[in-house]
C-alpha atoms as a PDB file:
ATOM      1  CA  UNK A   1       6.543  21.138 -38.463  1.00  0.00           C
ATOM      2  CA  UNK A   2       5.628  22.597 -35.075  1.00  0.00           C
ATOM      3  CA  UNK A   3       2.751  21.113 -33.101  1.00  0.00           C
ATOM      4  CA  UNK A   4       1.273  21.620 -29.643  1.00  0.00           C
ATOM      5  CA  UNK A   5      -0.608  19.028 -27.615  1.00  0.00           C
ATOM      6  CA  UNK A   6      -3.261  20.223 -25.173  1.00  0.00           C
ATOM      7  CA  UNK A   7      -3.737  17.642 -22.445  1.00  0.00           C
ATOM      8  CA  UNK A   8      -4.281  19.396 -19.151  1.00  0.00           C
ATOM      9  CA  UNK A   9      -5.023  16.623 -16.674  1.00  0.00           C
ATOM     10  CA  UNK A  10      -5.327  14.238 -14.890  1.00  0.00           C
ATOM     11  CA  UNK A  11      -2.234  12.193 -14.134  1.00  0.00           C
ATOM     12  CA  UNK A  12      -3.422   8.911 -15.623  1.00  0.00           C
ATOM     13  CA  UNK A  13      -4.886  10.603 -18.699  1.00  0.00           C
ATOM     14  CA  UNK A  14      -1.638  12.452 -19.360  1.00  0.00           C
ATOM     15  CA  UNK A  15       0.347   9.230 -19.055  1.00  0.00           C
ATOM     16  CA  UNK A  16      -1.986   7.445 -21.453  1.00  0.00           C
ATOM     17  CA  UNK A  17      -1.509  10.229 -23.997  1.00  0.00           C
ATOM     18  CA  UNK A  18       2.275  10.452 -23.615  1.00  0.00           C
ATOM     19  CA  UNK A  19       2.773   7.027 -25.156  1.00  0.00           C
ATOM     20  CA  UNK A  20       1.923   8.560 -28.551  1.00  0.00           C
ATOM     21  CA  UNK A  21       5.013  10.778 -28.497  1.00  0.00           C
ATOM     22  CA  UNK A  22       7.472   8.049 -29.419  1.00  0.00           C
ATOM     23  CA  UNK A  23       5.377   7.016 -32.424  1.00  0.00           C
ATOM     24  CA  UNK A  24       5.028  10.598 -33.627  1.00  0.00           C
ATOM     25  CA  UNK A  25       8.793  11.037 -33.431  1.00  0.00           C
ATOM     26  CA  UNK A  26       9.412   7.806 -35.325  1.00  0.00           C
ATOM     27  CA  UNK A  27       7.222   9.013 -38.183  1.00  0.00           C
ATOM     28  CA  UNK A  28       8.439  12.615 -38.089  1.00  0.00           C
ATOM     29  CA  UNK A  29      11.897  12.800 -36.476  1.00  0.00           C
ATOM     30  CA  UNK A  30      12.225  16.550 -37.111  1.00  0.00           C
ATOM     31  CA  UNK A  31       8.852  17.516 -35.686  1.00  0.00           C
ATOM     32  CA  UNK A  32       8.776  19.956 -32.757  1.00  0.00           C
ATOM     33  CA  UNK A  33       6.326  19.050 -29.978  1.00  0.00           C
ATOM     34  CA  UNK A  34       5.178  21.356 -27.176  1.00  0.00           C
ATOM     35  CA  UNK A  35       2.676  20.326 -24.499  1.00  0.00           C
ATOM     36  CA  UNK A  36       0.207  22.468 -22.545  1.00  0.00           C
ATOM     37  CA  UNK A  37      -0.602  21.009 -19.133  1.00  0.00           C
ATOM     38  CA  UNK A  38      -1.938  21.986 -15.720  1.00  0.00           C
ATOM     39  CA  UNK A  39       1.091  23.150 -13.748  1.00  0.00           C
ATOM     40  CA  UNK A  40       0.620  20.529 -11.015  1.00  0.00           C
ATOM     41  CA  UNK A  41       1.217  17.764 -13.568  1.00  0.00           C
ATOM     42  CA  UNK A  42       4.103  19.387 -15.464  1.00  0.00           C
ATOM     43  CA  UNK A  43       6.733  17.223 -13.670  1.00  0.00           C
ATOM     44  CA  UNK A  44       5.224  14.151 -15.344  1.00  0.00           C
ATOM     45  CA  UNK A  45       6.407  15.475 -18.694  1.00  0.00           C
ATOM     46  CA  UNK A  46       9.826  16.637 -17.567  1.00  0.00           C
ATOM     47  CA  UNK A  47      12.963  14.958 -18.951  1.00  0.00           C
ATOM     48  CA  UNK A  48      11.049  13.407 -21.864  1.00  0.00           C
ATOM     49  CA  UNK A  49      13.330  13.740 -24.914  1.00  0.00           C
ATOM     50  CA  UNK A  50      10.375  13.946 -27.299  1.00  0.00           C
ATOM     51  CA  UNK A  51       8.969  17.149 -25.797  1.00  0.00           C
ATOM     52  CA  UNK A  52      10.520  20.450 -26.841  1.00  0.00           C
ATOM     53  CA  UNK A  53       8.697  22.671 -24.366  1.00  0.00           C
ATOM     54  CA  UNK A  54       6.332  22.131 -21.440  1.00  0.00           C
ATOM     55  CA  UNK A  55       3.850  25.002 -21.211  1.00  0.00           C
ATOM     56  CA  UNK A  56       2.036  25.118 -17.852  1.00  0.00           C
ATOM     57  CA  UNK A  57      -1.345  26.649 -17.120  1.00  0.00           C
ATOM     58  CA  UNK A  58      -3.284  26.909 -13.892  1.00  0.00           C
ATOM     59  CA  UNK A  59      -6.890  26.829 -15.063  1.00  0.00           C
ATOM     60  CA  UNK A  60      -7.925  25.170 -11.805  1.00  0.00           C
ATOM     61  CA  UNK A  61      -7.076  28.409 -10.007  1.00  0.00           C
ATOM     62  CA  UNK A  62      -9.993  30.108 -11.776  1.00  0.00           C
ATOM     63  CA  UNK A  63     -12.449  28.203  -9.570  1.00  0.00           C
ATOM     64  CA  UNK A  64     -10.997  29.912  -6.503  1.00  0.00           C
ATOM     65  CA  UNK A  65     -10.424  33.308  -8.073  1.00  0.00           C
ATOM     66  CA  UNK A  66     -12.491  34.227 -11.125  1.00  0.00           C
ATOM     67  CA  UNK A  67     -10.179  37.083 -12.158  1.00  0.00           C
ATOM     68  CA  UNK A  68      -7.440  34.516 -12.841  1.00  0.00           C
ATOM     69  CA  UNK A  69      -9.183  33.813 -16.130  1.00  0.00           C
ATOM     70  CA  UNK A  70      -7.539  36.932 -17.543  1.00  0.00           C
ATOM     71  CA  UNK A  71      -4.084  35.865 -16.315  1.00  0.00           C
ATOM     72  CA  UNK A  72      -4.485  32.457 -17.893  1.00  0.00           C
ATOM     73  CA  UNK A  73      -5.829  33.913 -21.149  1.00  0.00           C
ATOM     74  CA  UNK A  74      -2.796  36.205 -21.431  1.00  0.00           C
ATOM     75  CA  UNK A  75      -0.530  33.228 -20.819  1.00  0.00           C
ATOM     76  CA  UNK A  76      -2.206  31.233 -23.601  1.00  0.00           C
ATOM     77  CA  UNK A  77      -1.856  34.192 -25.972  1.00  0.00           C
ATOM     78  CA  UNK A  78       1.827  34.344 -25.061  1.00  0.00           C
ATOM     79  CA  UNK A  79       2.162  30.665 -26.006  1.00  0.00           C
ATOM     80  CA  UNK A  80       0.361  31.458 -29.271  1.00  0.00           C
ATOM     81  CA  UNK A  81       3.432  33.442 -30.348  1.00  0.00           C
ATOM     82  CA  UNK A  82       5.103  30.091 -31.010  1.00  0.00           C
ATOM     83  CA  UNK A  83       3.135  29.987 -34.299  1.00  0.00           C
ATOM     84  CA  UNK A  84       2.055  26.349 -34.315  1.00  0.00           C
ATOM     85  CA  UNK A  85       1.230  24.532 -37.523  1.00  0.00           C
ATOM     86  CA  UNK A  86      -1.111  22.203 -35.656  1.00  0.00           C
ATOM     87  CA  UNK A  87      -2.654  22.099 -32.187  1.00  0.00           C
ATOM     88  CA  UNK A  88      -4.264  18.853 -31.023  1.00  0.00           C
ATOM     89  CA  UNK A  89      -6.715  18.838 -28.127  1.00  0.00           C
ATOM     90  CA  UNK A  90      -6.419  15.394 -26.555  1.00  0.00           C
ATOM     91  CA  UNK A  91      -8.640  16.373 -23.607  1.00  0.00           C
ATOM     92  CA  UNK A  92     -11.988  16.942 -25.305  1.00  0.00           C
ATOM     93  CA  UNK A  93     -13.392  19.444 -22.828  1.00  0.00           C
ATOM     94  CA  UNK A  94     -14.732  22.908 -23.528  1.00  0.00           C
ATOM     95  CA  UNK A  95     -11.894  24.525 -21.571  1.00  0.00           C
ATOM     96  CA  UNK A  96      -9.204  22.599 -23.469  1.00  0.00           C
ATOM     97  CA  UNK A  97     -10.954  23.362 -26.767  1.00  0.00           C
ATOM     98  CA  UNK A  98     -10.896  27.076 -25.954  1.00  0.00           C
ATOM     99  CA  UNK A  99      -7.183  26.883 -25.149  1.00  0.00           C
ATOM    100  CA  UNK A 100      -6.685  25.125 -28.485  1.00  0.00           C
ATOM    101  CA  UNK A 101      -8.599  27.846 -30.326  1.00  0.00           C
ATOM    102  CA  UNK A 102      -6.802  30.727 -28.575  1.00  0.00           C
ATOM    103  CA  UNK A 103      -3.427  29.312 -29.627  1.00  0.00           C
ATOM    104  CA  UNK A 104      -4.277  30.462 -33.140  1.00  0.00           C
ATOM    105  CA  UNK A 105      -2.682  27.573 -35.011  1.00  0.00           C
ATOM    106  CA  UNK A 106      -2.964  27.089 -38.756  1.00  0.00           C
ATOM    107  CA  UNK A 107      -4.920  23.895 -38.046  1.00  0.00           C
ATOM    108  CA  UNK A 108      -6.605  22.375 -35.001  1.00  0.00           C
ATOM    109  CA  UNK A 109      -7.689  18.812 -34.279  1.00  0.00           C
ATOM    110  CA  UNK A 110      -9.597  16.920 -31.605  1.00  0.00           C
ATOM    111  CA  UNK A 111     -12.370  14.410 -31.001  1.00  0.00           C
ATOM    112  CA  UNK A 112     -15.661  14.711 -32.864  1.00  0.00           C
ATOM    113  CA  UNK A 113     -18.837  15.511 -30.924  1.00  0.00           C
ATOM    114  CA  UNK A 114     -19.880  11.877 -30.553  1.00  0.00           C
ATOM    115  CA  UNK A 115     -16.531  10.833 -29.089  1.00  0.00           C
ATOM    116  CA  UNK A 116     -16.510  13.073 -26.006  1.00  0.00           C
ATOM    117  CA  UNK A 117     -18.789  14.008 -23.130  1.00  0.00           C
ATOM    118  CA  UNK A 118     -18.662  17.746 -23.858  1.00  0.00           C
ATOM    119  CA  UNK A 119     -19.558  17.536 -27.542  1.00  0.00           C
ATOM    120  CA  UNK A 120     -19.571  21.329 -27.913  1.00  0.00           C
ATOM    121  CA  UNK A 121     -15.762  21.222 -27.804  1.00  0.00           C
ATOM    122  CA  UNK A 122     -15.696  19.713 -31.303  1.00  0.00           C
ATOM    123  CA  UNK A 123     -16.924  23.011 -32.765  1.00  0.00           C
ATOM    124  CA  UNK A 124     -13.432  24.439 -32.268  1.00  0.00           C
ATOM    125  CA  UNK A 125     -11.520  21.848 -34.331  1.00  0.00           C
ATOM    126  CA  UNK A 126     -10.751  21.810 -38.053  1.00  0.00           C
ATOM    127  CA  UNK A 127     -10.061  18.063 -38.038  1.00  0.00           C
ATOM    128  CA  UNK A 128     -12.397  15.872 -35.997  1.00  0.00           C
ATOM    129  CA  UNK A 129     -11.393  12.357 -34.924  1.00  0.00           C
ATOM    130  CA  UNK A 130     -14.004   9.670 -34.351  1.00  0.00           C
ATOM    131  CA  UNK A 131     -13.512   6.934 -31.764  1.00  0.00           C
ATOM    132  CA  UNK A 132     -16.204   5.722 -29.369  1.00  0.00           C
ATOM    133  CA  UNK A 133     -16.116   7.176 -25.877  1.00  0.00           C
ATOM    134  CA  UNK A 134     -16.220   3.689 -24.350  1.00  0.00           C
ATOM    135  CA  UNK A 135     -13.221   2.437 -26.310  1.00  0.00           C
ATOM    136  CA  UNK A 136      -9.894   1.778 -24.592  1.00  0.00           C
ATOM    137  CA  UNK A 137      -8.579   5.014 -23.078  1.00  0.00           C
ATOM    138  CA  UNK A 138      -5.055   4.511 -24.397  1.00  0.00           C
ATOM    139  CA  UNK A 139      -6.291   3.730 -27.907  1.00  0.00           C
ATOM    140  CA  UNK A 140      -8.398   6.916 -27.815  1.00  0.00           C
ATOM    141  CA  UNK A 141      -5.438   9.063 -26.840  1.00  0.00           C
ATOM    142  CA  UNK A 142      -3.131   7.556 -29.435  1.00  0.00           C
ATOM    143  CA  UNK A 143      -5.716   7.928 -32.181  1.00  0.00           C
ATOM    144  CA  UNK A 144      -6.529  11.581 -31.486  1.00  0.00           C
ATOM    145  CA  UNK A 145      -2.812  12.445 -31.449  1.00  0.00           C
ATOM    146  CA  UNK A 146      -1.664  10.376 -34.414  1.00  0.00           C
ATOM    147  CA  UNK A 147      -4.598  10.481 -36.867  1.00  0.00           C
ATOM    148  CA  UNK A 148      -4.239  14.248 -37.528  1.00  0.00           C
ATOM    149  CA  UNK A 149      -0.661  13.444 -38.564  1.00  0.00           C
ATOM    150  CA  UNK A 150      -1.933  10.824 -41.035  1.00  0.00           C
ATOM    151  CA  UNK A 151      -0.797   7.600 -39.424  1.00  0.00           C
ATOM    152  CA  UNK A 152      -2.183   4.917 -37.109  1.00  0.00           C
ATOM    153  CA  UNK A 153      -0.592   2.853 -34.348  1.00  0.00           C
ATOM    154  CA  UNK A 154      -1.495  -0.798 -33.793  1.00  0.00           C
ATOM    155  CA  UNK A 155      -2.266  -2.284 -30.400  1.00  0.00           C
ATOM    156  CA  UNK A 156       0.771  -4.529 -30.745  1.00  0.00           C
ATOM    157  CA  UNK A 157       3.056  -1.542 -31.177  1.00  0.00           C
ATOM    158  CA  UNK A 158       1.583   0.053 -28.069  1.00  0.00           C
ATOM    159  CA  UNK A 159       2.202  -3.143 -26.098  1.00  0.00           C
ATOM    160  CA  UNK A 160       5.809  -3.162 -27.371  1.00  0.00           C
ATOM    161  CA  UNK A 161       6.339   0.522 -26.526  1.00  0.00           C
ATOM    162  CA  UNK A 162       9.512   1.933 -25.020  1.00  0.00           C
ATOM    163  CA  UNK A 163       9.353   3.448 -21.507  1.00  0.00           C
ATOM    164  CA  UNK A 164       8.404   7.131 -21.721  1.00  0.00           C
ATOM    165  CA  UNK A 165       8.579   8.500 -18.181  1.00  0.00           C
ATOM    166  CA  UNK A 166      11.949   9.840 -17.077  1.00  0.00           C
ATOM    167  CA  UNK A 167      13.216  10.916 -13.662  1.00  0.00           C
ATOM    168  CA  UNK A 168      16.135  13.134 -12.714  1.00  0.00           C
ATOM    169  CA  UNK A 169      16.206  11.633  -9.205  1.00  0.00           C
ATOM    170  CA  UNK A 170      18.973   9.199  -8.293  1.00  0.00           C
ATOM    171  CA  UNK A 171      17.732   8.322  -4.816  1.00  0.00           C
ATOM    172  CA  UNK A 172      14.758   8.631  -2.504  1.00  0.00           C
ATOM    173  CA  UNK A 173      15.063   8.878   1.259  1.00  0.00           C
ATOM    174  CA  UNK A 174      13.753   5.703   2.865  1.00  0.00           C
ATOM    175  CA  UNK A 175      14.115   3.503  -0.228  1.00  0.00           C
ATOM    176  CA  UNK A 176      16.792   0.830  -0.510  1.00  0.00           C
ATOM    177  CA  UNK A 177      17.122   0.243  -4.245  1.00  0.00           C
ATOM    178  CA  UNK A 178      19.727  -2.465  -3.654  1.00  0.00           C
ATOM    179  CA  UNK A 179      16.973  -4.821  -2.507  1.00  0.00           C
ATOM    180  CA  UNK A 180      13.860  -5.943  -4.338  1.00  0.00           C
ATOM    181  CA  UNK A 181      10.668  -4.322  -3.132  1.00  0.00           C
ATOM    182  CA  UNK A 182       6.937  -4.075  -3.738  1.00  0.00           C
ATOM    183  CA  UNK A 183       5.184  -0.744  -4.024  1.00  0.00           C
ATOM    184  CA  UNK A 184       1.623  -0.159  -2.840  1.00  0.00           C
ATOM    185  CA  UNK A 185      -0.497   2.685  -4.267  1.00  0.00           C
ATOM    186  CA  UNK A 186      -3.336   3.004  -1.762  1.00  0.00           C
ATOM    187  CA  UNK A 187      -5.172   6.216  -2.709  1.00  0.00           C
ATOM    188  CA  UNK A 188      -7.310   7.591  -5.524  1.00  0.00           C
ATOM    189  CA  UNK A 189      -9.835  10.356  -6.139  1.00  0.00           C
ATOM    190  CA  UNK A 190     -12.808   8.275  -4.908  1.00  0.00           C
ATOM    191  CA  UNK A 191     -13.093   6.220  -1.744  1.00  0.00           C
ATOM    192  CA  UNK A 192     -14.904   3.503  -3.698  1.00  0.00           C
ATOM    193  CA  UNK A 193     -11.846   3.019  -5.925  1.00  0.00           C
ATOM    194  CA  UNK A 194      -9.606   2.264  -2.943  1.00  0.00           C
ATOM    195  CA  UNK A 195      -8.681  -1.295  -2.047  1.00  0.00           C
ATOM    196  CA  UNK A 196      -9.091  -1.890   1.716  1.00  0.00           C
ATOM    197  CA  UNK A 197      -5.997  -1.270   3.822  1.00  0.00           C
ATOM    198  CA  UNK A 198      -6.547  -4.590   5.607  1.00  0.00           C
ATOM    199  CA  UNK A 199      -6.207  -6.381   2.267  1.00  0.00           C
ATOM    200  CA  UNK A 200      -2.922  -4.643   1.483  1.00  0.00           C
ATOM    201  CA  UNK A 201      -1.587  -5.790   4.856  1.00  0.00           C
ATOM    202  CA  UNK A 202      -2.689  -9.356   4.127  1.00  0.00           C
ATOM    203  CA  UNK A 203      -0.868  -9.262   0.774  1.00  0.00           C
ATOM    204  CA  UNK A 204       2.344  -8.021   2.392  1.00  0.00           C
ATOM    205  CA  UNK A 205       2.138 -10.693   5.075  1.00  0.00           C
ATOM    206  CA  UNK A 206       1.724 -13.409   2.478  1.00  0.00           C
ATOM    207  CA  UNK A 207       4.413 -12.255   0.004  1.00  0.00           C
ATOM    208  CA  UNK A 208       6.922 -11.452   2.762  1.00  0.00           C
ATOM    209  CA  UNK A 209       8.751  -8.799   0.732  1.00  0.00           C
ATOM    210  CA  UNK A 210       9.769  -5.279   1.611  1.00  0.00           C
ATOM    211  CA  UNK A 211       6.667  -3.275   0.703  1.00  0.00           C
ATOM    212  CA  UNK A 212       6.814   0.507   0.466  1.00  0.00           C
ATOM    213  CA  UNK A 213       3.645   2.602   0.567  1.00  0.00           C
ATOM    214  CA  UNK A 214       3.339   5.917  -1.302  1.00  0.00           C
ATOM    215  CA  UNK A 215       0.759   8.502  -0.304  1.00  0.00           C
ATOM    216  CA  UNK A 216      -0.399  11.977  -1.294  1.00  0.00           C
ATOM    217  CA  UNK A 217      -2.853  13.239   1.332  1.00  0.00           C
ATOM    218  CA  UNK A 218      -3.188  13.282   5.095  1.00  0.00           C
ATOM    219  CA  UNK A 219      -5.871  10.619   4.893  1.00  0.00           C
ATOM    220  CA  UNK A 220      -3.584   8.387   2.842  1.00  0.00           C
ATOM    221  CA  UNK A 221      -0.711   9.063   5.234  1.00  0.00           C
ATOM    222  CA  UNK A 222      -2.782   7.881   8.203  1.00  0.00           C
ATOM    223  CA  UNK A 223      -3.910   4.829   6.242  1.00  0.00           C
ATOM    224  CA  UNK A 224      -0.310   3.974   5.341  1.00  0.00           C
ATOM    225  CA  UNK A 225       0.790   4.489   8.947  1.00  0.00           C
ATOM    226  CA  UNK A 226      -1.938   2.076  10.084  1.00  0.00           C
ATOM    227  CA  UNK A 227      -0.632  -0.492   7.590  1.00  0.00           C
ATOM    228  CA  UNK A 228       2.971  -0.051   8.701  1.00  0.00           C
ATOM    229  CA  UNK A 229       2.007  -0.673  12.320  1.00  0.00           C
ATOM    230  CA  UNK A 230       0.433  -4.006  11.386  1.00  0.00           C
ATOM    231  CA  UNK A 231       3.096  -5.585   9.186  1.00  0.00           C
ATOM    232  CA  UNK A 232       6.879  -5.841   9.569  1.00  0.00           C
ATOM    233  CA  UNK A 233       7.128  -5.893   5.773  1.00  0.00           C
ATOM    234  CA  UNK A 234       5.436  -2.520   5.202  1.00  0.00           C
ATOM    235  CA  UNK A 235       7.274   0.806   5.276  1.00  0.00           C
ATOM    236  CA  UNK A 236       5.651   4.205   4.928  1.00  0.00           C
ATOM    237  CA  UNK A 237       7.706   6.385   2.571  1.00  0.00           C
ATOM    238  CA  UNK A 238       8.278  10.110   3.063  1.00  0.00           C
ATOM    239  CA  UNK A 239       6.034  12.070   0.721  1.00  0.00           C
ATOM    240  CA  UNK A 240       7.255  11.887  -2.900  1.00  0.00           C
ATOM    241  CA  UNK A 241       7.436  14.553  -5.549  1.00  0.00           C
ATOM    242  CA  UNK A 242       6.258  13.381  -8.961  1.00  0.00           C
ATOM    243  CA  UNK A 243       9.884  13.083 -10.071  1.00  0.00           C
ATOM    244  CA  UNK A 244      10.750  10.991  -7.006  1.00  0.00           C
ATOM    245  CA  UNK A 245       7.665   8.874  -7.594  1.00  0.00           C
ATOM    246  CA  UNK A 246       8.877   8.048 -11.097  1.00  0.00           C
ATOM    247  CA  UNK A 247      12.215   7.009  -9.598  1.00  0.00           C
ATOM    248  CA  UNK A 248      10.678   4.845  -6.875  1.00  0.00           C
ATOM    249  CA  UNK A 249       8.371   3.073  -9.337  1.00  0.00           C
ATOM    250  CA  UNK A 250      11.158   2.543 -11.874  1.00  0.00           C
ATOM    251  CA  UNK A 251      13.125   0.570  -9.259  1.00  0.00           C
ATOM    252  CA  UNK A 252      10.227  -1.495  -7.902  1.00  0.00           C
ATOM    253  CA  UNK A 253       9.938  -5.203  -8.596  1.00  0.00           C
ATOM    254  CA  UNK A 254       6.136  -4.981  -8.676  1.00  0.00           C
ATOM    255  CA  UNK A 255       3.533  -2.268  -8.090  1.00  0.00           C
ATOM    256  CA  UNK A 256       0.082  -3.104  -6.733  1.00  0.00           C
ATOM    257  CA  UNK A 257      -2.449  -0.312  -6.657  1.00  0.00           C
ATOM    258  CA  UNK A 258      -5.845   1.195  -7.360  1.00  0.00           C
ATOM    259  CA  UNK A 259      -6.977   2.554 -10.728  1.00  0.00           C
ATOM    260  CA  UNK A 260      -5.168   5.880 -10.366  1.00  0.00           C
ATOM    261  CA  UNK A 261      -2.317   7.923 -11.828  1.00  0.00           C
ATOM    262  CA  UNK A 262       0.675   6.549  -9.875  1.00  0.00           C
ATOM    263  CA  UNK A 263      -0.392   2.992 -10.695  1.00  0.00           C
ATOM    264  CA  UNK A 264      -0.509   3.859 -14.395  1.00  0.00           C
ATOM    265  CA  UNK A 265       3.045   5.187 -14.089  1.00  0.00           C
ATOM    266  CA  UNK A 266       4.237   1.581 -13.863  1.00  0.00           C
ATOM    267  CA  UNK A 267       2.854   0.925 -17.344  1.00  0.00           C
ATOM    268  CA  UNK A 268       4.610   4.039 -18.642  1.00  0.00           C
ATOM    269  CA  UNK A 269       7.875   2.833 -17.107  1.00  0.00           C
ATOM    270  CA  UNK A 270       7.492  -0.771 -18.352  1.00  0.00           C
ATOM    271  CA  UNK A 271       7.408  -2.029 -14.775  1.00  0.00           C
ATOM    272  CA  UNK A 272       5.314  -4.972 -13.563  1.00  0.00           C
ATOM    273  CA  UNK A 273       1.988  -3.965 -12.041  1.00  0.00           C
ATOM    274  CA  UNK A 274      -1.385  -5.165 -10.839  1.00  0.00           C
ATOM    275  CA  UNK A 275      -4.212  -2.624 -11.113  1.00  0.00           C
ATOM    276  CA  UNK A 276      -7.274  -3.228  -8.947  1.00  0.00           C
ATOM    277  CA  UNK A 277     -10.646  -2.173 -10.373  1.00  0.00           C
ATOM    278  CA  UNK A 278     -14.003  -1.698  -8.707  1.00  0.00           C
ATOM    279  CA  UNK A 279     -16.296   1.054 -10.058  1.00  0.00           C
ATOM    280  CA  UNK A 280     -14.166   1.889 -13.104  1.00  0.00           C
ATOM    281  CA  UNK A 281     -13.827  -0.022 -16.393  1.00  0.00           C
ATOM    282  CA  UNK A 282     -10.935  -2.312 -17.273  1.00  0.00           C
ATOM    283  CA  UNK A 283     -10.504  -0.662 -20.653  1.00  0.00           C
ATOM    284  CA  UNK A 284      -8.710   2.264 -19.036  1.00  0.00           C
ATOM    285  CA  UNK A 285      -5.496   0.281 -19.322  1.00  0.00           C
ATOM    286  CA  UNK A 286      -3.612  -2.164 -21.520  1.00  0.00           C
ATOM    287  CA  UNK A 287      -3.152  -5.704 -20.278  1.00  0.00           C
ATOM    288  CA  UNK A 288       0.379  -6.831 -21.145  1.00  0.00           C
ATOM    289  CA  UNK A 289       2.656  -9.728 -20.121  1.00  0.00           C
ATOM    290  CA  UNK A 290       3.800  -7.663 -17.111  1.00  0.00           C
ATOM    291  CA  UNK A 291       0.850  -5.312 -16.535  1.00  0.00           C
ATOM    292  CA  UNK A 292      -2.165  -7.181 -15.180  1.00  0.00           C
ATOM    293  CA  UNK A 293      -5.510  -6.233 -13.685  1.00  0.00           C
ATOM    294  CA  UNK A 294      -8.146  -7.691 -11.394  1.00  0.00           C
ATOM    295  CA  UNK A 295     -11.707  -6.423 -11.662  1.00  0.00           C
ATOM    296  CA  UNK A 296     -14.472  -6.911  -9.104  1.00  0.00           C
ATOM    297  CA  UNK A 297     -17.681  -8.634 -10.201  1.00  0.00           C
ATOM    298  CA  UNK A 298     -19.701  -5.414 -10.539  1.00  0.00           C
ATOM    299  CA  UNK A 299     -20.836  -4.236 -13.960  1.00  0.00           C
ATOM    300  CA  UNK A 300     -19.683  -0.764 -14.999  1.00  0.00           C
ATOM    301  CA  UNK A 301     -21.555   1.707 -17.183  1.00  0.00           C
ATOM    302  CA  UNK A 302     -18.758   3.606 -18.923  1.00  0.00           C
ATOM    303  CA  UNK A 303     -21.028   6.602 -19.444  1.00  0.00           C
ATOM    304  CA  UNK A 304     -22.259   6.774 -15.842  1.00  0.00           C
ATOM    305  CA  UNK A 305     -19.764   5.548 -13.246  1.00  0.00           C
ATOM    306  CA  UNK A 306     -21.181   4.648  -9.846  1.00  0.00           C
ATOM    307  CA  UNK A 307     -19.152   6.251  -7.048  1.00  0.00           C
ATOM    308  CA  UNK A 308     -21.139   4.163  -4.555  1.00  0.00           C
ATOM    309  CA  UNK A 309     -19.824   0.906  -6.016  1.00  0.00           C
ATOM    310  CA  UNK A 310     -17.465  -0.398  -3.310  1.00  0.00           C
ATOM    311  CA  UNK A 311     -17.116  -3.841  -4.894  1.00  0.00           C
ATOM    312  CA  UNK A 312     -13.323  -3.524  -5.059  1.00  0.00           C
ATOM    313  CA  UNK A 313     -13.352  -4.806  -1.474  1.00  0.00           C
ATOM    314  CA  UNK A 314     -14.617  -8.129  -2.807  1.00  0.00           C
ATOM    315  CA  UNK A 315     -11.289  -8.854  -4.525  1.00  0.00           C
ATOM    316  CA  UNK A 316      -9.592 -11.319  -2.214  1.00  0.00           C
ATOM    317  CA  UNK A 317      -5.997 -10.720  -1.098  1.00  0.00           C
ATOM    318  CA  UNK A 318      -5.210 -14.297  -2.099  1.00  0.00           C
ATOM    319  CA  UNK A 319      -6.216 -13.608  -5.705  1.00  0.00           C
ATOM    320  CA  UNK A 320      -3.826 -10.659  -5.739  1.00  0.00           C
ATOM    321  CA  UNK A 321      -1.074 -12.719  -4.110  1.00  0.00           C
ATOM    322  CA  UNK A 322      -1.439 -15.538  -6.646  1.00  0.00           C
ATOM    323  CA  UNK A 323      -1.179 -13.106  -9.560  1.00  0.00           C
ATOM    324  CA  UNK A 324       1.718 -11.279  -7.911  1.00  0.00           C
ATOM    325  CA  UNK A 325       3.673 -14.523  -7.600  1.00  0.00           C
ATOM    326  CA  UNK A 326       3.374 -15.159 -11.329  1.00  0.00           C
ATOM    327  CA  UNK A 327       4.826 -11.701 -12.000  1.00  0.00           C
ATOM    328  CA  UNK A 328       7.569 -12.049  -9.408  1.00  0.00           C
END
């Protein structure tokens, strides 16, 4: 059987869907799995033994240049020559549904109209999977990928998963893997999701461990530089590729970070982590013996997130330190 998964973005969402691969392979060892993804996130999928082919698209480029829609359509039609038995849209957006349809598979599957924000996408699926939009994000991804293949995965099995992110890197400039270190993930897509830099410094000062900071933008770089200047325990890393980031996280003793893709990598690598939540819901992750979370006191409407909710700043550094010590 030959299937294709359509999960275009974003980093955390892709990671939360990737966990399903190992369960699919256990049920169907001979199955062939391809994955269509936005090109920027393709390195996340690289080196995974359960993926036969990574098929990149650049749909985001259409926003800048409308004529790129024809280039991307031709690329999808080229991928359609793989003659898939089943294509599963794990994204649930109109654009991912159209990609799914254009692949011309014998069967298509995805969320039903009540399980996604863009309900119109469900019109393009033969098999429609029902799971509430406000259910756990990981459970939603596993269900939409496994139910069309006629099996379910329990929460306990997900907790007991094997690591599923793989790096080809063997070193990263600036990182001493011979010594234990913390890793701080300080950025995210919204300012209100970011834990204050002063609090990260306070945590480093209290734990007194080598603490590397990863960053992805100029703003994050300047924030990390500010932190480095205020603590002898904090070191700003050179910018990481996604493959290097997997390597750095896989060797960390503990990752502390905002609700964002690199933080979720720790869960995918079975590494200890603390995820800090403000305006986003806790049910985006799984709480495990080594993967913990701290949520601010604000209430979150899953259907209408408040980007002006800066309550993450209310989480005290001491609360993070106390939890970190239990994991260390």
